[in-house]
PDB file of N, CA and C in Angstrom:
ATOM      1  N   MET A   1      -0.694   3.332  12.062  1.00  0.00           N
ATOM      2  CA  MET A   1      -1.655   2.485  11.512  1.00  0.00           C
ATOM      3  C   MET A   1      -2.458   3.631  10.562  1.00  0.00           C
ATOM      4  N   SER A   2      -3.151   3.405   9.543  1.00  0.00           N
ATOM      5  CA  SER A   2      -3.511   4.554   9.431  1.00  0.00           C
ATOM      6  C   SER A   2      -5.157   4.564   8.763  1.00  0.00           C
ATOM      7  N   ASP A   3      -6.168   5.114   8.667  1.00  0.00           N
ATOM      8  CA  ASP A   3      -6.975   5.240   8.586  1.00  0.00           C
ATOM      9  C   ASP A   3      -8.127   5.294  10.011  1.00  0.00           C
ATOM     10  N   GLY A   4      -6.882   5.624  11.535  1.00  0.00           N
ATOM     11  CA  GLY A   4      -7.601   5.798  12.583  1.00  0.00           C
ATOM     12  C   GLY A   4      -8.160   4.405  13.472  1.00  0.00           C
ATOM     13  N   TYR A   5      -6.720   2.837  12.547  1.00  0.00           N
ATOM     14  CA  TYR A   5      -7.186   2.224  13.447  1.00  0.00           C
ATOM     15  C   TYR A   5      -5.850   1.542  14.108  1.00  0.00           C
ATOM     16  N   ASP A   6      -5.191   2.616  15.200  1.00  0.00           N
ATOM     17  CA  ASP A   6      -4.363   2.998  15.787  1.00  0.00           C
ATOM     18  C   ASP A   6      -4.229   2.372  17.241  1.00  0.00           C
ATOM     19  N   ASP A   7      -4.194   1.014  17.709  1.00  0.00           N
ATOM     20  CA  ASP A   7      -4.943   0.847  19.455  1.00  0.00           C
ATOM     21  C   ASP A   7      -3.622   0.494  19.909  1.00  0.00           C
ATOM     22  N   ALA A   8      -2.667   1.354  19.931  1.00  0.00           N
ATOM     23  CA  ALA A   8      -1.343   1.006  20.761  1.00  0.00           C
ATOM     24  C   ALA A   8      -0.708  -0.348  20.374  1.00  0.00           C
ATOM     25  N   GLY A   9      -0.470  -1.094  19.479  1.00  0.00           N
ATOM     26  CA  GLY A   9      -0.083  -2.054  18.823  1.00  0.00           C
ATOM     27  C   GLY A   9      -1.192  -3.318  19.235  1.00  0.00           C
ATOM     28  N   GLN A  10      -2.049  -3.368  18.926  1.00  0.00           N
ATOM     29  CA  GLN A  10      -2.959  -3.726  19.270  1.00  0.00           C
ATOM     30  C   GLN A  10      -2.993  -4.828  17.769  1.00  0.00           C
ATOM     31  N   GLU A  11      -3.324  -6.145  17.849  1.00  0.00           N
ATOM     32  CA  GLU A  11      -3.289  -7.395  16.981  1.00  0.00           C
ATOM     33  C   GLU A  11      -4.667  -7.129  16.913  1.00  0.00           C
ATOM     34  N   TRP A  12      -4.864  -7.265  15.421  1.00  0.00           N
ATOM     35  CA  TRP A  12      -5.982  -7.705  14.844  1.00  0.00           C
ATOM     36  C   TRP A  12      -6.282  -9.140  14.302  1.00  0.00           C
ATOM     37  N   PRO A  13      -6.864 -10.203  14.450  1.00  0.00           N
ATOM     38  CA  PRO A  13      -6.873 -11.762  13.736  1.00  0.00           C
ATOM     39  C   PRO A  13      -7.618 -11.596  12.938  1.00  0.00           C
ATOM     40  N   VAL A  14      -7.042 -12.354  11.788  1.00  0.00           N
ATOM     41  CA  VAL A  14      -7.259 -12.483  10.583  1.00  0.00           C
ATOM     42  C   VAL A  14      -7.667 -13.624  10.164  1.00  0.00           C
ATOM     43  N   VAL A  15      -9.308 -13.888   9.964  1.00  0.00           N
ATOM     44  CA  VAL A  15     -10.105 -15.317   8.925  1.00  0.00           C
ATOM     45  C   VAL A  15      -9.942 -15.461   8.344  1.00  0.00           C
ATOM     46  N   PRO A  16      -9.728 -16.115   7.336  1.00  0.00           N
ATOM     47  CA  PRO A  16      -9.997 -16.376   6.015  1.00  0.00           C
ATOM     48  C   PRO A  16     -11.395 -16.712   5.376  1.00  0.00           C
ATOM     49  N   SER A  17     -12.097 -16.315   4.590  1.00  0.00           N
ATOM     50  CA  SER A  17     -13.702 -17.067   4.356  1.00  0.00           C
ATOM     51  C   SER A  17     -13.406 -18.106   3.496  1.00  0.00           C
ATOM     52  N   THR A  18     -14.224 -19.012   3.629  1.00  0.00           N
ATOM     53  CA  THR A  18     -14.707 -19.948   3.118  1.00  0.00           C
ATOM     54  C   THR A  18     -13.772 -20.191   1.629  1.00  0.00           C
ATOM     55  N   GLU A  19     -13.836 -19.299   0.972  1.00  0.00           N
ATOM     56  CA  GLU A  19     -13.673 -18.652  -0.841  1.00  0.00           C
ATOM     57  C   GLU A  19     -12.123 -19.233  -0.614  1.00  0.00           C
ATOM     58  N   VAL A  20     -11.636 -18.171   0.198  1.00  0.00           N
ATOM     59  CA  VAL A  20     -10.254 -18.279   0.473  1.00  0.00           C
ATOM     60  C   VAL A  20      -9.595 -19.304   0.953  1.00  0.00           C
ATOM     61  N   GLY A  21     -10.294 -19.859   1.959  1.00  0.00           N
ATOM     62  CA  GLY A  21      -9.776 -21.417   2.565  1.00  0.00           C
ATOM     63  C   GLY A  21      -9.459 -22.093   1.566  1.00  0.00           C
ATOM     64  N   ASP A  22     -10.442 -22.575   0.525  1.00  0.00           N
ATOM     65  CA  ASP A  22     -10.739 -23.390  -0.297  1.00  0.00           C
ATOM     66  C   ASP A  22      -9.713 -22.789  -1.176  1.00  0.00           C
ATOM     67  N   PHE A  23      -8.956 -22.110  -1.754  1.00  0.00           N
ATOM     68  CA  PHE A  23      -8.359 -21.122  -2.901  1.00  0.00           C
ATOM     69  C   PHE A  23      -7.274 -21.890  -2.322  1.00  0.00           C
ATOM     70  N   LEU A  24      -6.565 -21.863  -1.166  1.00  0.00           N
ATOM     71  CA  LEU A  24      -5.178 -21.857   0.013  1.00  0.00           C
ATOM     72  C   LEU A  24      -4.789 -23.335  -0.592  1.00  0.00           C
ATOM     73  N   VAL A  25      -5.977 -24.255  -0.344  1.00  0.00           N
ATOM     74  CA  VAL A  25      -5.822 -25.862  -0.297  1.00  0.00           C
ATOM     75  C   VAL A  25      -4.952 -25.855  -1.658  1.00  0.00           C
ATOM     76  N   THR A  26      -5.471 -24.962  -3.128  1.00  0.00           N
ATOM     77  CA  THR A  26      -4.454 -25.309  -4.088  1.00  0.00           C
ATOM     78  C   THR A  26      -3.872 -24.923  -4.597  1.00  0.00           C
ATOM     79  N   ALA A  27      -3.316 -23.784  -3.671  1.00  0.00           N
ATOM     80  CA  ALA A  27      -2.353 -22.671  -4.295  1.00  0.00           C
ATOM     81  C   ALA A  27      -1.227 -23.308  -3.930  1.00  0.00           C
ATOM     82  N   PRO A  28      -0.579 -23.005  -5.309  1.00  0.00           N
ATOM     83  CA  PRO A  28       1.194 -23.428  -5.371  1.00  0.00           C
ATOM     84  C   PRO A  28       1.756 -22.451  -4.008  1.00  0.00           C
ATOM     85  N   PRO A  29       3.245 -23.199  -3.491  1.00  0.00           N
ATOM     86  CA  PRO A  29       3.221 -23.071  -2.235  1.00  0.00           C
ATOM     87  C   PRO A  29       4.006 -21.851  -2.091  1.00  0.00           C
ATOM     88  N   GLU A  30       4.614 -20.639  -3.258  1.00  0.00           N
ATOM     89  CA  GLU A  30       4.917 -19.425  -3.285  1.00  0.00           C
ATOM     90  C   GLU A  30       3.549 -18.281  -2.678  1.00  0.00           C
ATOM     91  N   LEU A  31       2.610 -18.870  -3.260  1.00  0.00           N
ATOM     92  CA  LEU A  31       1.249 -18.112  -3.662  1.00  0.00           C
ATOM     93  C   LEU A  31       0.585 -18.584  -2.193  1.00  0.00           C
ATOM     94  N   PHE A  32       0.603 -19.304  -1.535  1.00  0.00           N
ATOM     95  CA  PHE A  32       0.017 -19.566  -0.348  1.00  0.00           C
ATOM     96  C   PHE A  32       1.184 -18.790   0.532  1.00  0.00           C
ATOM     97  N   SER A  33       2.156 -18.609   0.609  1.00  0.00           N
ATOM     98  CA  SER A  33       3.057 -18.327   0.959  1.00  0.00           C
ATOM     99  C   SER A  33       3.047 -16.240   1.538  1.00  0.00           C
ATOM    100  N   ALA A  34       2.529 -16.077   0.393  1.00  0.00           N
ATOM    101  CA  ALA A  34       2.321 -14.207  -0.092  1.00  0.00           C
ATOM    102  C   ALA A  34       0.942 -14.270   0.676  1.00  0.00           C
ATOM    103  N   VAL A  35      -0.145 -15.064   0.343  1.00  0.00           N
ATOM    104  CA  VAL A  35      -1.271 -15.066   1.637  1.00  0.00           C
ATOM    105  C   VAL A  35      -1.097 -15.153   2.627  1.00  0.00           C
ATOM    106  N   MET A  36       0.031 -15.797   3.139  1.00  0.00           N
ATOM    107  CA  MET A  36      -0.186 -15.873   4.885  1.00  0.00           C
ATOM    108  C   MET A  36       1.134 -14.282   5.142  1.00  0.00           C
ATOM    109  N   ALA A  37       1.963 -14.168   4.255  1.00  0.00           N
ATOM    110  CA  ALA A  37       2.872 -13.049   4.976  1.00  0.00           C
ATOM    111  C   ALA A  37       1.685 -11.564   5.082  1.00  0.00           C
ATOM    112  N   LEU A  38       0.627 -11.678   4.050  1.00  0.00           N
ATOM    113  CA  LEU A  38      -0.232 -10.757   3.733  1.00  0.00           C
ATOM    114  C   LEU A  38      -0.934 -10.934   5.232  1.00  0.00           C
ATOM    115  N   THR A  39      -1.454 -12.170   5.496  1.00  0.00           N
ATOM    116  CA  THR A  39      -2.472 -11.555   6.811  1.00  0.00           C
ATOM    117  C   THR A  39      -1.455 -11.969   8.288  1.00  0.00           C
ATOM    118  N   VAL A  40      -0.890 -11.800   8.256  1.00  0.00           N
ATOM    119  CA  VAL A  40       0.287 -11.409   9.054  1.00  0.00           C
ATOM    120  C   VAL A  40       0.567  -9.931   8.872  1.00  0.00           C
ATOM    121  N   ALA A  41       0.837  -9.016   7.758  1.00  0.00           N
ATOM    122  CA  ALA A  41       1.151  -7.761   7.632  1.00  0.00           C
ATOM    123  C   ALA A  41      -0.814  -7.267   8.491  1.00  0.00           C
ATOM    124  N   LEU A  42      -1.655  -7.719   7.677  1.00  0.00           N
ATOM    125  CA  LEU A  42      -2.611  -7.199   7.866  1.00  0.00           C
ATOM    126  C   LEU A  42      -3.116  -7.048   9.661  1.00  0.00           C
ATOM    127  N   HIS A  43      -2.666  -8.620  10.231  1.00  0.00           N
ATOM    128  CA  HIS A  43      -2.543  -8.446  12.000  1.00  0.00           C
ATOM    129  C   HIS A  43      -2.496  -7.940  12.657  1.00  0.00           C
ATOM    130  N   ARG A  44      -1.226  -7.580  12.005  1.00  0.00           N
ATOM    131  CA  ARG A  44      -0.090  -6.011  12.704  1.00  0.00           C
ATOM    132  C   ARG A  44      -1.121  -4.452  12.013  1.00  0.00           C
ATOM    133  N   ASP A  45      -1.830  -4.198  11.361  1.00  0.00           N
ATOM    134  CA  ASP A  45      -2.124  -3.033  11.177  1.00  0.00           C
ATOM    135  C   ASP A  45      -3.621  -3.382   9.876  1.00  0.00           C
ATOM    136  N   PRO A  46      -4.478  -3.113  10.583  1.00  0.00           N
ATOM    137  CA  PRO A  46      -5.328  -3.666   9.619  1.00  0.00           C
ATOM    138  C   PRO A  46      -5.926  -2.415   7.866  1.00  0.00           C
ATOM    139  N   ALA A  47      -5.045  -1.718   7.938  1.00  0.00           N
ATOM    140  CA  ALA A  47      -5.255  -0.853   6.837  1.00  0.00           C
ATOM    141  C   ALA A  47      -4.446   0.233   6.667  1.00  0.00           C
ATOM    142  N   PRO A  48      -3.259  -0.940   6.213  1.00  0.00           N
ATOM    143  CA  PRO A  48      -1.558  -0.417   5.679  1.00  0.00           C
ATOM    144  C   PRO A  48      -1.691   0.551   4.949  1.00  0.00           C
ATOM    145  N   HIS A  49      -1.330   1.591   4.276  1.00  0.00           N
ATOM    146  CA  HIS A  49      -0.751   2.456   3.006  1.00  0.00           C
ATOM    147  C   HIS A  49      -1.044   2.238   2.012  1.00  0.00           C
ATOM    148  N   ASP A  50      -0.504   0.644   1.224  1.00  0.00           N
ATOM    149  CA  ASP A  50      -0.754   0.116  -0.006  1.00  0.00           C
ATOM    150  C   ASP A  50      -2.194  -0.019  -0.041  1.00  0.00           C
ATOM    151  N   SER A  51      -3.073  -0.067   0.933  1.00  0.00           N
ATOM    152  CA  SER A  51      -4.585  -0.666   1.043  1.00  0.00           C
ATOM    153  C   SER A  51      -5.407   0.616   0.400  1.00  0.00           C
ATOM    154  N   THR A  52      -6.484   0.049   0.031  1.00  0.00           N
ATOM    155  CA  THR A  52      -7.241   1.173  -0.531  1.00  0.00           C
ATOM    156  C   THR A  52      -8.813   0.823  -0.199  1.00  0.00           C
ATOM    157  N   ALA A  53      -9.588   1.919   0.405  1.00  0.00           N
ATOM    158  CA  ALA A  53     -10.920   1.881   1.182  1.00  0.00           C
ATOM    159  C   ALA A  53     -11.349   1.792  -0.484  1.00  0.00           C
ATOM    160  N   LEU A  54     -12.480   0.537  -0.351  1.00  0.00           N
ATOM    161  CA  LEU A  54     -13.739   0.376  -1.080  1.00  0.00           C
ATOM    162  C   LEU A  54     -15.018   1.237  -0.926  1.00  0.00           C
ATOM    163  N   ASP A  55     -14.831   1.862   0.404  1.00  0.00           N
ATOM    164  CA  ASP A  55     -16.222   2.333   0.925  1.00  0.00           C
ATOM    165  C   ASP A  55     -16.433   3.170   1.458  1.00  0.00           C
ATOM    166  N   SER A  56     -17.506   4.211   1.716  1.00  0.00           N
ATOM    167  CA  SER A  56     -17.335   5.349   2.283  1.00  0.00           C
ATOM    168  C   SER A  56     -16.984   4.965   4.372  1.00  0.00           C
ATOM    169  N   THR A  57     -16.806   3.860   4.703  1.00  0.00           N
ATOM    170  CA  THR A  57     -16.359   3.766   5.733  1.00  0.00           C
ATOM    171  C   THR A  57     -14.865   3.466   6.249  1.00  0.00           C
ATOM    172  N   GLY A  58     -14.683   2.734   5.507  1.00  0.00           N
ATOM    173  CA  GLY A  58     -12.655   2.599   5.110  1.00  0.00           C
ATOM    174  C   GLY A  58     -12.629   1.206   5.652  1.00  0.00           C
ATOM    175  N   LEU A  59     -13.595   0.405   5.758  1.00  0.00           N
ATOM    176  CA  LEU A  59     -13.801  -0.904   6.609  1.00  0.00           C
ATOM    177  C   LEU A  59     -13.460  -1.812   5.206  1.00  0.00           C
ATOM    178  N   TYR A  60     -13.868  -1.886   4.332  1.00  0.00           N
ATOM    179  CA  TYR A  60     -14.265  -2.673   3.346  1.00  0.00           C
ATOM    180  C   TYR A  60     -12.908  -2.548   2.113  1.00  0.00           C
ATOM    181  N   ARG A  61     -12.020  -3.025   2.257  1.00  0.00           N
ATOM    182  CA  ARG A  61     -10.923  -2.903   1.227  1.00  0.00           C
ATOM    183  C   ARG A  61     -10.102  -3.865   0.592  1.00  0.00           C
ATOM    184  N   ASP A  62      -8.838  -3.823  -0.397  1.00  0.00           N
ATOM    185  CA  ASP A  62      -8.345  -3.987  -0.839  1.00  0.00           C
ATOM    186  C   ASP A  62      -6.869  -3.422  -0.978  1.00  0.00           C
ATOM    187  N   ILE A  63      -6.204  -4.659  -1.047  1.00  0.00           N
ATOM    188  CA  ILE A  63      -4.485  -4.830  -0.875  1.00  0.00           C
ATOM    189  C   ILE A  63      -3.973  -5.817  -2.007  1.00  0.00           C
ATOM    190  N   PRO A  64      -2.764  -5.041  -2.881  1.00  0.00           N
ATOM    191  CA  PRO A  64      -2.287  -5.869  -3.876  1.00  0.00           C
ATOM    192  C   PRO A  64      -1.565  -7.078  -3.138  1.00  0.00           C
ATOM    193  N   LEU A  65      -1.666  -7.990  -3.769  1.00  0.00           N
ATOM    194  CA  LEU A  65      -0.728  -9.151  -2.894  1.00  0.00           C
ATOM    195  C   LEU A  65       0.742  -8.868  -3.768  1.00  0.00           C
ATOM    196  N   PRO A  66       1.596  -9.073  -2.917  1.00  0.00           N
ATOM    197  CA  PRO A  66       3.081  -8.428  -2.900  1.00  0.00           C
ATOM    198  C   PRO A  66       3.509  -9.694  -3.932  1.00  0.00           C
ATOM    199  N   GLY A  67       4.271  -9.210  -5.070  1.00  0.00           N
ATOM    200  CA  GLY A  67       4.519 -10.197  -5.927  1.00  0.00           C
ATOM    201  C   GLY A  67       4.170 -10.651  -6.600  1.00  0.00           C
ATOM    202  N   HIS A  68       2.862 -10.749  -7.338  1.00  0.00           N
ATOM    203  CA  HIS A  68       1.784 -11.575  -8.038  1.00  0.00           C
ATOM    204  C   HIS A  68       1.115 -10.644  -7.971  1.00  0.00           C
ATOM    205  N   PRO A  69       0.629 -10.799  -9.508  1.00  0.00           N
ATOM    206  CA  PRO A  69      -0.418 -10.055 -10.202  1.00  0.00           C
ATOM    207  C   PRO A  69      -2.091 -10.204  -9.796  1.00  0.00           C
ATOM    208  N   ALA A  70      -2.134  -9.834  -7.846  1.00  0.00           N
ATOM    209  CA  ALA A  70      -3.940 -10.529  -7.840  1.00  0.00           C
ATOM    210  C   ALA A  70      -3.897  -9.176  -6.427  1.00  0.00           C
ATOM    211  N   VAL A  71      -5.252  -9.278  -5.955  1.00  0.00           N
ATOM    212  CA  VAL A  71      -5.571  -8.380  -5.146  1.00  0.00           C
ATOM    213  C   VAL A  71      -6.305  -9.195  -3.954  1.00  0.00           C
ATOM    214  N   ALA A  72      -6.016  -8.483  -2.813  1.00  0.00           N
ATOM    215  CA  ALA A  72      -7.282  -9.551  -1.651  1.00  0.00           C
ATOM    216  C   ALA A  72      -7.640  -8.568  -1.281  1.00  0.00           C
ATOM    217  N   GLU A  73      -9.001  -8.950  -0.894  1.00  0.00           N
ATOM    218  CA  GLU A  73      -9.911  -8.107  -0.987  1.00  0.00           C
ATOM    219  C   GLU A  73     -10.766  -8.364   0.958  1.00  0.00           C
ATOM    220  N   TYR A  74     -10.890  -7.493   1.808  1.00  0.00           N
ATOM    221  CA  TYR A  74     -10.644  -8.072   3.209  1.00  0.00           C
ATOM    222  C   TYR A  74     -11.943  -6.512   3.740  1.00  0.00           C
ATOM    223  N   VAL A  75     -12.466  -7.091   4.934  1.00  0.00           N
ATOM    224  CA  VAL A  75     -13.708  -6.138   5.577  1.00  0.00           C
ATOM    225  C   VAL A  75     -12.778  -6.231   7.181  1.00  0.00           C
ATOM    226  N   ILE A  76     -12.682  -5.064   7.748  1.00  0.00           N
ATOM    227  CA  ILE A  76     -12.685  -4.553   9.261  1.00  0.00           C
ATOM    228  C   ILE A  76     -13.542  -4.814   9.959  1.00  0.00           C
ATOM    229  N   ASN A  77     -13.586  -5.439  10.916  1.00  0.00           N
ATOM    230  CA  ASN A  77     -14.499  -5.892  11.939  1.00  0.00           C
ATOM    231  C   ASN A  77     -14.267  -5.143  13.038  1.00  0.00           C
ATOM    232  N   PRO A  78     -14.433  -4.211  13.085  1.00  0.00           N
ATOM    233  CA  PRO A  78     -13.892  -3.495  14.280  1.00  0.00           C
ATOM    234  C   PRO A  78     -14.814  -3.669  15.954  1.00  0.00           C
ATOM    235  N   GLU A  79     -16.020  -4.386  16.002  1.00  0.00           N
ATOM    236  CA  GLU A  79     -16.998  -4.360  16.991  1.00  0.00           C
ATOM    237  C   GLU A  79     -17.107  -5.295  16.978  1.00  0.00           C
ATOM    238  N   PRO A  80     -17.625  -5.455  17.890  1.00  0.00           N
ATOM    239  CA  PRO A  80     -17.208  -5.165  19.394  1.00  0.00           C
ATOM    240  C   PRO A  80     -15.777  -5.300  19.779  1.00  0.00           C
ATOM    241  N   PRO A  81     -14.581  -4.675  20.532  1.00  0.00           N
ATOM    242  CA  PRO A  81     -13.104  -3.891  20.919  1.00  0.00           C
ATOM    243  C   PRO A  81     -13.094  -5.725  21.205  1.00  0.00           C
ATOM    244  N   ASP A  82     -13.914  -6.219  21.864  1.00  0.00           N
ATOM    245  CA  ASP A  82     -13.172  -7.141  22.270  1.00  0.00           C
ATOM    246  C   ASP A  82     -13.389  -9.030  21.417  1.00  0.00           C
ATOM    247  N   THR A  83     -13.695  -8.524  20.409  1.00  0.00           N
ATOM    248  CA  THR A  83     -14.005 -10.106  19.317  1.00  0.00           C
ATOM    249  C   THR A  83     -13.967  -9.193  18.069  1.00  0.00           C
ATOM    250  N   ARG A  84     -13.008  -7.935  17.861  1.00  0.00           N
ATOM    251  CA  ARG A  84     -12.598  -7.444  16.620  1.00  0.00           C
ATOM    252  C   ARG A  84     -11.893  -8.042  16.093  1.00  0.00           C
ATOM    253  N   HIS A  85     -11.924  -8.191  14.292  1.00  0.00           N
ATOM    254  CA  HIS A  85     -10.727  -9.215  13.261  1.00  0.00           C
ATOM    255  C   HIS A  85     -11.393  -8.240  12.125  1.00  0.00           C
ATOM    256  N   ILE A  86     -10.467  -9.466  11.192  1.00  0.00           N
ATOM    257  CA  ILE A  86     -10.498  -9.174  10.009  1.00  0.00           C
ATOM    258  C   ILE A  86     -10.801 -10.382   9.040  1.00  0.00           C
ATOM    259  N   VAL A  87     -11.863 -10.451   7.998  1.00  0.00           N
ATOM    260  CA  VAL A  87     -12.217 -11.292   7.063  1.00  0.00           C
ATOM    261  C   VAL A  87     -11.552 -11.097   5.896  1.00  0.00           C
ATOM    262  N   LEU A  88     -10.523 -12.252   5.292  1.00  0.00           N
ATOM    263  CA  LEU A  88      -9.818 -12.081   4.105  1.00  0.00           C
ATOM    264  C   LEU A  88     -11.177 -12.847   3.585  1.00  0.00           C
ATOM    265  N   LEU A  89     -11.984 -11.840   2.604  1.00  0.00           N
ATOM    266  CA  LEU A  89     -13.225 -12.072   1.537  1.00  0.00           C
ATOM    267  C   LEU A  89     -12.457 -13.080   0.393  1.00  0.00           C
ATOM    268  N   THR A  90     -11.240 -12.122  -0.182  1.00  0.00           N
ATOM    269  CA  THR A  90     -11.195 -12.887  -1.906  1.00  0.00           C
ATOM    270  C   THR A  90      -9.969 -12.507  -2.148  1.00  0.00           C
ATOM    271  N   ILE A  91      -8.834 -13.388  -3.073  1.00  0.00           N
ATOM    272  CA  ILE A  91      -8.461 -13.324  -3.509  1.00  0.00           C
ATOM    273  C   ILE A  91      -8.340 -13.293  -4.959  1.00  0.00           C
ATOM    274  N   THR A  92      -8.648 -11.889  -6.183  1.00  0.00           N
ATOM    275  CA  THR A  92      -8.338 -11.978  -7.157  1.00  0.00           C
ATOM    276  C   THR A  92      -7.136 -11.952  -8.120  1.00  0.00           C
ATOM    277  N   TRP A  93      -7.287 -12.858  -9.010  1.00  0.00           N
ATOM    278  CA  TRP A  93      -6.211 -12.748  -9.885  1.00  0.00           C
ATOM    279  C   TRP A  93      -6.288 -12.223 -10.891  1.00  0.00           C
ATOM    280  N   LEU A  94      -5.428 -11.277 -11.588  1.00  0.00           N
ATOM    281  CA  LEU A  94      -5.366 -10.354 -12.217  1.00  0.00           C
ATOM    282  C   LEU A  94      -4.700 -10.515 -13.942  1.00  0.00           C
ATOM    283  N   PRO A  95      -5.898 -10.954 -14.472  1.00  0.00           N
ATOM    284  CA  PRO A  95      -5.185 -11.795 -15.671  1.00  0.00           C
ATOM    285  C   PRO A  95      -4.649 -10.565 -16.772  1.00  0.00           C
ATOM    286  N   ASP A  96      -4.687  -9.209 -16.307  1.00  0.00           N
ATOM    287  CA  ASP A  96      -4.394  -8.231 -17.547  1.00  0.00           C
ATOM    288  C   ASP A  96      -3.073  -7.878 -16.737  1.00  0.00           C
ATOM    289  N   LYS A  97      -2.596  -8.459 -16.264  1.00  0.00           N
ATOM    290  CA  LYS A  97      -0.918  -8.674 -15.325  1.00  0.00           C
ATOM    291  C   LYS A  97      -0.316  -9.454 -16.314  1.00  0.00           C
ATOM    292  N   PRO A  98       1.060  -9.179 -16.394  1.00  0.00           N
ATOM    293  CA  PRO A  98       1.569 -10.275 -16.951  1.00  0.00           C
ATOM    294  C   PRO A  98       1.611 -11.398 -15.568  1.00  0.00           C
ATOM    295  N   THR A  99       1.906 -12.342 -16.396  1.00  0.00           N
ATOM    296  CA  THR A  99       1.823 -13.296 -15.341  1.00  0.00           C
ATOM    297  C   THR A  99       2.905 -14.775 -16.023  1.00  0.00           C
ATOM    298  N   GLU A 100       3.612 -15.386 -15.381  1.00  0.00           N
ATOM    299  CA  GLU A 100       4.517 -16.369 -15.746  1.00  0.00           C
ATOM    300  C   GLU A 100       4.566 -17.314 -16.707  1.00  0.00           C
ATOM    301  N   PRO A 101       5.542 -16.821 -17.780  1.00  0.00           N
ATOM    302  CA  PRO A 101       5.513 -18.098 -19.168  1.00  0.00           C
ATOM    303  C   PRO A 101       5.276 -19.324 -18.941  1.00  0.00           C
ATOM    304  N   GLY A 102       4.334 -19.242 -19.308  1.00  0.00           N
ATOM    305  CA  GLY A 102       3.893 -21.160 -19.169  1.00  0.00           C
ATOM    306  C   GLY A 102       1.854 -21.020 -18.387  1.00  0.00           C
ATOM    307  N   THR A 103       2.048 -19.895 -17.082  1.00  0.00           N
ATOM    308  CA  THR A 103       1.107 -19.892 -16.262  1.00  0.00           C
ATOM    309  C   THR A 103      -0.209 -19.870 -16.584  1.00  0.00           C
ATOM    310  N   GLY A 104      -0.717 -18.532 -18.292  1.00  0.00           N
ATOM    311  CA  GLY A 104      -1.715 -18.799 -18.449  1.00  0.00           C
ATOM    312  C   GLY A 104      -2.142 -17.568 -17.718  1.00  0.00           C
ATOM    313  N   ASP A 105      -3.606 -17.692 -17.391  1.00  0.00           N
ATOM    314  CA  ASP A 105      -4.015 -16.545 -16.969  1.00  0.00           C
ATOM    315  C   ASP A 105      -4.685 -16.832 -15.288  1.00  0.00           C
ATOM    316  N   SER A 106      -4.222 -18.052 -14.845  1.00  0.00           N
ATOM    317  CA  SER A 106      -4.552 -18.475 -13.788  1.00  0.00           C
ATOM    318  C   SER A 106      -3.333 -18.579 -12.044  1.00  0.00           C
ATOM    319  N   PRO A 107      -3.556 -18.696 -11.192  1.00  0.00           N
ATOM    320  CA  PRO A 107      -2.017 -18.861 -10.275  1.00  0.00           C
ATOM    321  C   PRO A 107      -1.800 -20.458  -9.859  1.00  0.00           C
ATOM    322  N   PHE A 108      -2.596 -20.964 -10.656  1.00  0.00           N
ATOM    323  CA  PHE A 108      -2.603 -22.775 -10.709  1.00  0.00           C
ATOM    324  C   PHE A 108      -1.613 -22.884 -11.295  1.00  0.00           C
TER     325      PHE A 108
END
């Protein structure tokens, strides 16, 4: 793991924010699946190499959503160790990226 979160294979629970939960309720299946795959990846490694630290602590991060013109923002909550977790804060659609024909500026 990168950024010092290597705890010999320890897992990190990933909790969606209300905003992400609401987003997933209306997301098409392929987008829902991409977000779920990302949560599994973060569960195993809270700071993968393709994520970017958004603050000086490295706890607030973003990461591209594979296969979609979107990024996920999340925060790592490392303390206390017995309740550490990750909160998936937002999924941001990047309208300046190419979209699928006929889909417009939204993933819906």
